[in-house]
ModelCIF file with pLDDT and N, C-alpha, C, O atoms, coordinates in Angstrom:
data_MODEL
#
_entry.id   MODEL 
#
_entity.id                         1 
_entity.type                       polymer 
_entity.pdbx_number_of_molecules   1 
#
_entity_poly.entity_id                      1 
_entity_poly.type                           'polypeptide(L)' 
_entity_poly.nstd_linkage                   no 
_entity_poly.nstd_monomer                   no 
_entity_poly.pdbx_seq_one_letter_code       LEIAALPLVHGAVWTAAIFSVANAVLLAFRITAEER 
_entity_poly.pdbx_seq_one_letter_code_can   LEIAALPLVHGAVWTAAIFSVANAVLLAFRITAEER 
_entity_poly.pdbx_strand_id                 A 
#
loop_
_entity_poly_seq.entity_id 
_entity_poly_seq.num 
_entity_poly_seq.mon_id 
_entity_poly_seq.hetero 
1 1  LEU n 
1 2  GLU n 
1 3  ILE n 
1 4  ALA n 
1 5  ALA n 
1 6  LEU n 
1 7  PRO n 
1 8  LEU n 
1 9  VAL n 
1 10 HIS n 
1 11 GLY n 
1 12 ALA n 
1 13 VAL n 
1 14 TRP n 
1 15 THR n 
1 16 ALA n 
1 17 ALA n 
1 18 ILE n 
1 19 PHE n 
1 20 SER n 
1 21 VAL n 
1 22 ALA n 
1 23 ASN n 
1 24 ALA n 
1 25 VAL n 
1 26 LEU n 
1 27 LEU n 
1 28 ALA n 
1 29 PHE n 
1 30 ARG n 
1 31 ILE n 
1 32 THR n 
1 33 ALA n 
1 34 GLU n 
1 35 GLU n 
1 36 ARG n 
#
_struct_asym.id          A 
_struct_asym.entity_id   1 
#
loop_
_ma_qa_metric.id 
_ma_qa_metric.mode 
_ma_qa_metric.name 
_ma_qa_metric.software_group_id 
_ma_qa_metric.type 
1 global pLDDT . pLDDT 
2 local  pLDDT . pLDDT 
#
_ma_qa_metric_global.metric_id      1 
_ma_qa_metric_global.metric_value   95.00 
_ma_qa_metric_global.model_id       1 
_ma_qa_metric_global.ordinal_id     1 
#
loop_
_ma_qa_metric_local.label_asym_id 
_ma_qa_metric_local.label_comp_id 
_ma_qa_metric_local.label_seq_id 
_ma_qa_metric_local.metric_id 
_ma_qa_metric_local.metric_value 
_ma_qa_metric_local.model_id 
_ma_qa_metric_local.ordinal_id 
A LEU 1  2 97.00 1 1  
A GLU 2  2 98.00 1 2  
A ILE 3  2 98.00 1 3  
A ALA 4  2 98.00 1 4  
A ALA 5  2 98.00 1 5  
A LEU 6  2 98.00 1 6  
A PRO 7  2 98.00 1 7  
A LEU 8  2 98.00 1 8  
A VAL 9  2 98.00 1 9  
A HIS 10 2 98.00 1 10 
A GLY 11 2 97.00 1 11 
A ALA 12 2 98.00 1 12 
A VAL 13 2 98.00 1 13 
A TRP 14 2 98.00 1 14 
A THR 15 2 98.00 1 15 
A ALA 16 2 98.00 1 16 
A ALA 17 2 98.00 1 17 
A ILE 18 2 98.00 1 18 
A PHE 19 2 98.00 1 19 
A SER 20 2 98.00 1 20 
A VAL 21 2 98.00 1 21 
A ALA 22 2 97.00 1 22 
A ASN 23 2 97.00 1 23 
A ALA 24 2 96.00 1 24 
A VAL 25 2 96.00 1 25 
A LEU 26 2 95.00 1 26 
A LEU 27 2 94.00 1 27 
A ALA 28 2 93.00 1 28 
A PHE 29 2 92.00 1 29 
A ARG 30 2 92.00 1 30 
A ILE 31 2 88.00 1 31 
A THR 32 2 87.00 1 32 
A ALA 33 2 88.00 1 33 
A GLU 34 2 85.00 1 34 
A GLU 35 2 81.00 1 35 
A ARG 36 2 83.00 1 36 
#
loop_
_atom_site.group_PDB 
_atom_site.id 
_atom_site.type_symbol 
_atom_site.label_atom_id 
_atom_site.label_alt_id 
_atom_site.label_comp_id 
_atom_site.label_asym_id 
_atom_site.label_entity_id 
_atom_site.label_seq_id 
_atom_site.pdbx_PDB_ins_code 
_atom_site.Cartn_x 
_atom_site.Cartn_y 
_atom_site.Cartn_z 
_atom_site.occupancy 
_atom_site.B_iso_or_equiv 
_atom_site.pdbx_formal_charge 
_atom_site.auth_seq_id 
_atom_site.auth_comp_id 
_atom_site.auth_asym_id 
_atom_site.auth_atom_id 
_atom_site.pdbx_PDB_model_num 
ATOM 1   N N  . LEU A 1 1  ? -4.339  -3.300  -4.231 1.00 97.00 ? 1  LEU A N  1 
ATOM 2   C CA . LEU A 1 1  ? -5.703  -2.811  -4.489 1.00 97.00 ? 1  LEU A CA 1 
ATOM 3   C C  . LEU A 1 1  ? -6.473  -2.605  -3.187 1.00 97.00 ? 1  LEU A C  1 
ATOM 4   O O  . LEU A 1 1  ? -7.173  -1.605  -3.027 1.00 97.00 ? 1  LEU A O  1 
ATOM 5   N N  . GLU A 1 2  ? -6.343  -3.549  -2.262 1.00 98.00 ? 2  GLU A N  1 
ATOM 6   C CA . GLU A 1 2  ? -7.054  -3.444  -0.986 1.00 98.00 ? 2  GLU A CA 1 
ATOM 7   C C  . GLU A 1 2  ? -6.566  -2.230  -0.179 1.00 98.00 ? 2  GLU A C  1 
ATOM 8   O O  . GLU A 1 2  ? -7.376  -1.458  0.334  1.00 98.00 ? 2  GLU A O  1 
ATOM 9   N N  . ILE A 1 3  ? -5.259  -2.071  -0.073 1.00 98.00 ? 3  ILE A N  1 
ATOM 10  C CA . ILE A 1 3  ? -4.693  -0.967  0.737  1.00 98.00 ? 3  ILE A CA 1 
ATOM 11  C C  . ILE A 1 3  ? -5.186  0.376   0.217  1.00 98.00 ? 3  ILE A C  1 
ATOM 12  O O  . ILE A 1 3  ? -5.522  1.268   0.996  1.00 98.00 ? 3  ILE A O  1 
ATOM 13  N N  . ALA A 1 4  ? -5.227  0.513   -1.107 1.00 98.00 ? 4  ALA A N  1 
ATOM 14  C CA . ALA A 1 4  ? -5.613  1.794   -1.696 1.00 98.00 ? 4  ALA A CA 1 
ATOM 15  C C  . ALA A 1 4  ? -7.100  2.016   -1.689 1.00 98.00 ? 4  ALA A C  1 
ATOM 16  O O  . ALA A 1 4  ? -7.551  3.146   -1.502 1.00 98.00 ? 4  ALA A O  1 
ATOM 17  N N  . ALA A 1 5  ? -7.893  0.949   -1.893 1.00 98.00 ? 5  ALA A N  1 
ATOM 18  C CA . ALA A 1 5  ? -9.325  1.117   -2.139 1.00 98.00 ? 5  ALA A CA 1 
ATOM 19  C C  . ALA A 1 5  ? -10.192 1.106   -0.907 1.00 98.00 ? 5  ALA A C  1 
ATOM 20  O O  . ALA A 1 5  ? -11.150 1.875   -0.827 1.00 98.00 ? 5  ALA A O  1 
ATOM 21  N N  . LEU A 1 6  ? -9.887  0.254   0.063  1.00 98.00 ? 6  LEU A N  1 
ATOM 22  C CA . LEU A 1 6  ? -10.786 0.154   1.225  1.00 98.00 ? 6  LEU A CA 1 
ATOM 23  C C  . LEU A 1 6  ? -10.990 1.483   1.946  1.00 98.00 ? 6  LEU A C  1 
ATOM 24  O O  . LEU A 1 6  ? -12.134 1.823   2.247  1.00 98.00 ? 6  LEU A O  1 
ATOM 25  N N  . PRO A 1 7  ? -9.941  2.252   2.238  1.00 98.00 ? 7  PRO A N  1 
ATOM 26  C CA . PRO A 1 7  ? -10.180 3.546   2.923  1.00 98.00 ? 7  PRO A CA 1 
ATOM 27  C C  . PRO A 1 7  ? -11.099 4.487   2.126  1.00 98.00 ? 7  PRO A C  1 
ATOM 28  O O  . PRO A 1 7  ? -11.858 5.271   2.694  1.00 98.00 ? 7  PRO A O  1 
ATOM 29  N N  . LEU A 1 8  ? -11.002 4.380   0.785  1.00 98.00 ? 8  LEU A N  1 
ATOM 30  C CA . LEU A 1 8  ? -11.782 5.301   -0.066 1.00 98.00 ? 8  LEU A CA 1 
ATOM 31  C C  . LEU A 1 8  ? -13.277 4.961   -0.072 1.00 98.00 ? 8  LEU A C  1 
ATOM 32  O O  . LEU A 1 8  ? -14.081 5.749   -0.571 1.00 98.00 ? 8  LEU A O  1 
ATOM 33  N N  . VAL A 1 9  ? -13.658 3.812   0.468  1.00 98.00 ? 9  VAL A N  1 
ATOM 34  C CA . VAL A 1 9  ? -15.075 3.493   0.570  1.00 98.00 ? 9  VAL A CA 1 
ATOM 35  C C  . VAL A 1 9  ? -15.790 4.552   1.371  1.00 98.00 ? 9  VAL A C  1 
ATOM 36  O O  . VAL A 1 9  ? -16.956 4.859   1.125  1.00 98.00 ? 9  VAL A O  1 
ATOM 37  N N  . HIS A 1 10 ? -15.069 5.114   2.345  1.00 98.00 ? 10 HIS A N  1 
ATOM 38  C CA . HIS A 1 10 ? -15.685 6.232   3.111  1.00 98.00 ? 10 HIS A CA 1 
ATOM 39  C C  . HIS A 1 10 ? -14.828 7.494   3.023  1.00 98.00 ? 10 HIS A C  1 
ATOM 40  O O  . HIS A 1 10 ? -14.809 8.294   3.958  1.00 98.00 ? 10 HIS A O  1 
ATOM 41  N N  . GLY A 1 11 ? -14.125 7.675   1.914  1.00 97.00 ? 11 GLY A N  1 
ATOM 42  C CA . GLY A 1 11 ? -13.413 8.919   1.662  1.00 97.00 ? 11 GLY A CA 1 
ATOM 43  C C  . GLY A 1 11 ? -12.202 9.173   2.504  1.00 97.00 ? 11 GLY A C  1 
ATOM 44  O O  . GLY A 1 11 ? -11.793 10.326  2.646  1.00 97.00 ? 11 GLY A O  1 
ATOM 45  N N  . ALA A 1 12 ? -11.587 8.114   3.089  1.00 98.00 ? 12 ALA A N  1 
ATOM 46  C CA . ALA A 1 12 ? -10.368 8.311   3.904  1.00 98.00 ? 12 ALA A CA 1 
ATOM 47  C C  . ALA A 1 12 ? -9.161  8.409   2.987  1.00 98.00 ? 12 ALA A C  1 
ATOM 48  O O  . ALA A 1 12 ? -8.374  7.469   2.874  1.00 98.00 ? 12 ALA A O  1 
ATOM 49  N N  . VAL A 1 13 ? -9.022  9.562   2.330  1.00 98.00 ? 13 VAL A N  1 
ATOM 50  C CA . VAL A 1 13 ? -7.981  9.711   1.305  1.00 98.00 ? 13 VAL A CA 1 
ATOM 51  C C  . VAL A 1 13 ? -6.577  9.732   1.885  1.00 98.00 ? 13 VAL A C  1 
ATOM 52  O O  . VAL A 1 13 ? -5.633  9.250   1.258  1.00 98.00 ? 13 VAL A O  1 
ATOM 53  N N  . TRP A 1 14 ? -6.436  10.296  3.095  1.00 98.00 ? 14 TRP A N  1 
ATOM 54  C CA . TRP A 1 14 ? -5.093  10.358  3.692  1.00 98.00 ? 14 TRP A CA 1 
ATOM 55  C C  . TRP A 1 14 ? -4.586  8.946   3.993  1.00 98.00 ? 14 TRP A C  1 
ATOM 56  O O  . TRP A 1 14 ? -3.430  8.624   3.720  1.00 98.00 ? 14 TRP A O  1 
ATOM 57  N N  . THR A 1 15 ? -5.445  8.122   4.547  1.00 98.00 ? 15 THR A N  1 
ATOM 58  C CA . THR A 1 15 ? -5.049  6.737   4.813  1.00 98.00 ? 15 THR A CA 1 
ATOM 59  C C  . THR A 1 15 ? -4.683  6.019   3.541  1.00 98.00 ? 15 THR A C  1 
ATOM 60  O O  . THR A 1 15 ? -3.671  5.321   3.487  1.00 98.00 ? 15 THR A O  1 
ATOM 61  N N  . ALA A 1 16 ? -5.507  6.185   2.499  1.00 98.00 ? 16 ALA A N  1 
ATOM 62  C CA . ALA A 1 16 ? -5.253  5.511   1.240  1.00 98.00 ? 16 ALA A CA 1 
ATOM 63  C C  . ALA A 1 16 ? -3.921  5.952   0.644  1.00 98.00 ? 16 ALA A C  1 
ATOM 64  O O  . ALA A 1 16 ? -3.179  5.123   0.118  1.00 98.00 ? 16 ALA A O  1 
ATOM 65  N N  . ALA A 1 17 ? -3.613  7.211   0.716  1.00 98.00 ? 17 ALA A N  1 
ATOM 66  C CA . ALA A 1 17 ? -2.358  7.744   0.106  1.00 98.00 ? 17 ALA A CA 1 
ATOM 67  C C  . ALA A 1 17 ? -1.133  7.333   0.925  1.00 98.00 ? 17 ALA A C  1 
ATOM 68  O O  . ALA A 1 17 ? -0.154  6.826   0.378  1.00 98.00 ? 17 ALA A O  1 
ATOM 69  N N  . ILE A 1 18 ? -1.196  7.553   2.229  1.00 98.00 ? 18 ILE A N  1 
ATOM 70  C CA . ILE A 1 18 ? -0.017  7.290   3.077  1.00 98.00 ? 18 ILE A CA 1 
ATOM 71  C C  . ILE A 1 18 ? 0.314   5.802   3.069  1.00 98.00 ? 18 ILE A C  1 
ATOM 72  O O  . ILE A 1 18 ? 1.472   5.418   2.906  1.00 98.00 ? 18 ILE A O  1 
ATOM 73  N N  . PHE A 1 19 ? -0.711  4.964   3.247  1.00 98.00 ? 19 PHE A N  1 
ATOM 74  C CA . PHE A 1 19 ? -0.403  3.539   3.358  1.00 98.00 ? 19 PHE A CA 1 
ATOM 75  C C  . PHE A 1 19 ? -0.136  2.865   2.001  1.00 98.00 ? 19 PHE A C  1 
ATOM 76  O O  . PHE A 1 19 ? 0.485   1.804   1.938  1.00 98.00 ? 19 PHE A O  1 
ATOM 77  N N  . SER A 1 20 ? -0.608  3.490   0.929  1.00 98.00 ? 20 SER A N  1 
ATOM 78  C CA . SER A 1 20 ? -0.206  2.984   -0.398 1.00 98.00 ? 20 SER A CA 1 
ATOM 79  C C  . SER A 1 20 ? 1.294   3.160   -0.601 1.00 98.00 ? 20 SER A C  1 
ATOM 80  O O  . SER A 1 20 ? 1.967   2.285   -1.146 1.00 98.00 ? 20 SER A O  1 
ATOM 81  N N  . VAL A 1 21 ? 1.812   4.320   -0.148 1.00 98.00 ? 21 VAL A N  1 
ATOM 82  C CA . VAL A 1 21 ? 3.251   4.560   -0.257 1.00 98.00 ? 21 VAL A CA 1 
ATOM 83  C C  . VAL A 1 21 ? 4.024   3.632   0.649  1.00 98.00 ? 21 VAL A C  1 
ATOM 84  O O  . VAL A 1 21 ? 5.025   3.045   0.237  1.00 98.00 ? 21 VAL A O  1 
ATOM 85  N N  . ALA A 1 22 ? 3.564   3.494   1.894  1.00 97.00 ? 22 ALA A N  1 
ATOM 86  C CA . ALA A 1 22 ? 4.221   2.582   2.834  1.00 97.00 ? 22 ALA A CA 1 
ATOM 87  C C  . ALA A 1 22 ? 4.221   1.159   2.338  1.00 97.00 ? 22 ALA A C  1 
ATOM 88  O O  . ALA A 1 22 ? 5.231   0.464   2.451  1.00 97.00 ? 22 ALA A O  1 
ATOM 89  N N  . ASN A 1 23 ? 3.108   0.711   1.790  1.00 97.00 ? 23 ASN A N  1 
ATOM 90  C CA . ASN A 1 23 ? 2.989   -0.629  1.237  1.00 97.00 ? 23 ASN A CA 1 
ATOM 91  C C  . ASN A 1 23 ? 3.921   -0.818  0.034  1.00 97.00 ? 23 ASN A C  1 
ATOM 92  O O  . ASN A 1 23 ? 4.498   -1.893  -0.132 1.00 97.00 ? 23 ASN A O  1 
ATOM 93  N N  . ALA A 1 24 ? 4.072   0.195   -0.792 1.00 96.00 ? 24 ALA A N  1 
ATOM 94  C CA . ALA A 1 24 ? 4.939   0.101   -1.946 1.00 96.00 ? 24 ALA A CA 1 
ATOM 95  C C  . ALA A 1 24 ? 6.403   -0.065  -1.487 1.00 96.00 ? 24 ALA A C  1 
ATOM 96  O O  . ALA A 1 24 ? 7.151   -0.846  -2.076 1.00 96.00 ? 24 ALA A O  1 
ATOM 97  N N  . VAL A 1 25 ? 6.798   0.655   -0.459 1.00 96.00 ? 25 VAL A N  1 
ATOM 98  C CA . VAL A 1 25 ? 8.159   0.530   0.064  1.00 96.00 ? 25 VAL A CA 1 
ATOM 99  C C  . VAL A 1 25 ? 8.423   -0.868  0.602  1.00 96.00 ? 25 VAL A C  1 
ATOM 100 O O  . VAL A 1 25 ? 9.430   -1.497  0.279  1.00 96.00 ? 25 VAL A O  1 
ATOM 101 N N  . LEU A 1 26 ? 7.490   -1.342  1.436  1.00 95.00 ? 26 LEU A N  1 
ATOM 102 C CA . LEU A 1 26 ? 7.657   -2.658  2.018  1.00 95.00 ? 26 LEU A CA 1 
ATOM 103 C C  . LEU A 1 26 ? 7.645   -3.756  0.925  1.00 95.00 ? 26 LEU A C  1 
ATOM 104 O O  . LEU A 1 26 ? 8.437   -4.695  0.991  1.00 95.00 ? 26 LEU A O  1 
ATOM 105 N N  . LEU A 1 27 ? 6.767   -3.641  -0.056 1.00 94.00 ? 27 LEU A N  1 
ATOM 106 C CA . LEU A 1 27 ? 6.690   -4.640  -1.111 1.00 94.00 ? 27 LEU A CA 1 
ATOM 107 C C  . LEU A 1 27 ? 7.956   -4.637  -1.985 1.00 94.00 ? 27 LEU A C  1 
ATOM 108 O O  . LEU A 1 27 ? 8.352   -5.677  -2.510 1.00 94.00 ? 27 LEU A O  1 
ATOM 109 N N  . ALA A 1 28 ? 8.579   -3.476  -2.133 1.00 93.00 ? 28 ALA A N  1 
ATOM 110 C CA . ALA A 1 28 ? 9.816   -3.417  -2.898 1.00 93.00 ? 28 ALA A CA 1 
ATOM 111 C C  . ALA A 1 28 ? 10.877  -4.311  -2.258 1.00 93.00 ? 28 ALA A C  1 
ATOM 112 O O  . ALA A 1 28 ? 11.567  -5.055  -2.955 1.00 93.00 ? 28 ALA A O  1 
ATOM 113 N N  . PHE A 1 29 ? 11.010  -4.235  -0.893 1.00 92.00 ? 29 PHE A N  1 
ATOM 114 C CA . PHE A 1 29 ? 11.943  -5.083  -0.194 1.00 92.00 ? 29 PHE A CA 1 
ATOM 115 C C  . PHE A 1 29 ? 11.483  -6.538  -0.196 1.00 92.00 ? 29 PHE A C  1 
ATOM 116 O O  . PHE A 1 29 ? 12.287  -7.457  -0.351 1.00 92.00 ? 29 PHE A O  1 
ATOM 117 N N  . ARG A 1 30 ? 10.192  -6.728  -0.023 1.00 92.00 ? 30 ARG A N  1 
ATOM 118 C CA . ARG A 1 30 ? 9.633   -8.054  0.076  1.00 92.00 ? 30 ARG A CA 1 
ATOM 119 C C  . ARG A 1 30 ? 9.800   -8.848  -1.215 1.00 92.00 ? 30 ARG A C  1 
ATOM 120 O O  . ARG A 1 30 ? 10.227  -10.002 -1.194 1.00 92.00 ? 30 ARG A O  1 
ATOM 121 N N  . ILE A 1 31 ? 9.459   -8.221  -2.335 1.00 88.00 ? 31 ILE A N  1 
ATOM 122 C CA . ILE A 1 31 ? 9.529   -8.892  -3.623 1.00 88.00 ? 31 ILE A CA 1 
ATOM 123 C C  . ILE A 1 31 ? 10.986  -9.167  -3.991 1.00 88.00 ? 31 ILE A C  1 
ATOM 124 O O  . ILE A 1 31 ? 11.295  -10.231 -4.527 1.00 88.00 ? 31 ILE A O  1 
ATOM 125 N N  . THR A 1 32 ? 11.867  -8.240  -3.715 1.00 87.00 ? 32 THR A N  1 
ATOM 126 C CA . THR A 1 32 ? 13.279  -8.450  -3.997 1.00 87.00 ? 32 THR A CA 1 
ATOM 127 C C  . THR A 1 32 ? 13.806  -9.679  -3.222 1.00 87.00 ? 32 THR A C  1 
ATOM 128 O O  . THR A 1 32 ? 14.473  -10.545 -3.787 1.00 87.00 ? 32 THR A O  1 
ATOM 129 N N  . ALA A 1 33 ? 13.493  -9.727  -1.938 1.00 88.00 ? 33 ALA A N  1 
ATOM 130 C CA . ALA A 1 33 ? 13.945  -10.861 -1.119 1.00 88.00 ? 33 ALA A CA 1 
ATOM 131 C C  . ALA A 1 33 ? 13.310  -12.176 -1.570 1.00 88.00 ? 33 ALA A C  1 
ATOM 132 O O  . ALA A 1 33 ? 13.982  -13.207 -1.606 1.00 88.00 ? 33 ALA A O  1 
ATOM 133 N N  . GLU A 1 34 ? 12.021  -12.146 -1.913 1.00 85.00 ? 34 GLU A N  1 
ATOM 134 C CA . GLU A 1 34 ? 11.337  -13.358 -2.343 1.00 85.00 ? 34 GLU A CA 1 
ATOM 135 C C  . GLU A 1 34 ? 11.862  -13.880 -3.658 1.00 85.00 ? 34 GLU A C  1 
ATOM 136 O O  . GLU A 1 34 ? 12.121  -15.075 -3.804 1.00 85.00 ? 34 GLU A O  1 
ATOM 137 N N  . GLU A 1 35 ? 12.016  -12.997 -4.603 1.00 81.00 ? 35 GLU A N  1 
ATOM 138 C CA . GLU A 1 35 ? 12.523  -13.469 -5.920 1.00 81.00 ? 35 GLU A CA 1 
ATOM 139 C C  . GLU A 1 35 ? 13.988  -13.925 -5.848 1.00 81.00 ? 35 GLU A C  1 
ATOM 140 O O  . GLU A 1 35 ? 14.409  -14.814 -6.588 1.00 81.00 ? 35 GLU A O  1 
ATOM 141 N N  . ARG A 1 36 ? 14.739  -13.314 -4.963 1.00 83.00 ? 36 ARG A N  1 
ATOM 142 C CA . ARG A 1 36 ? 16.127  -13.781 -4.770 1.00 83.00 ? 36 ARG A CA 1 
ATOM 143 C C  . ARG A 1 36 ? 16.108  -15.190 -4.175 1.00 83.00 ? 36 ARG A C  1 
ATOM 144 O O  . ARG A 1 36 ? 17.165  -15.772 -3.933 1.00 83.00 ? 36 ARG A O  1 
#
């Protein structure tokens, strides 16, 4: 929520979009490793 929303407080849509995708990729690895 933070990664997606904070940039949009001032309309930084590119940052919100790009880093939401990057965060999703990292979290996919992170959650897999943590749950394992």
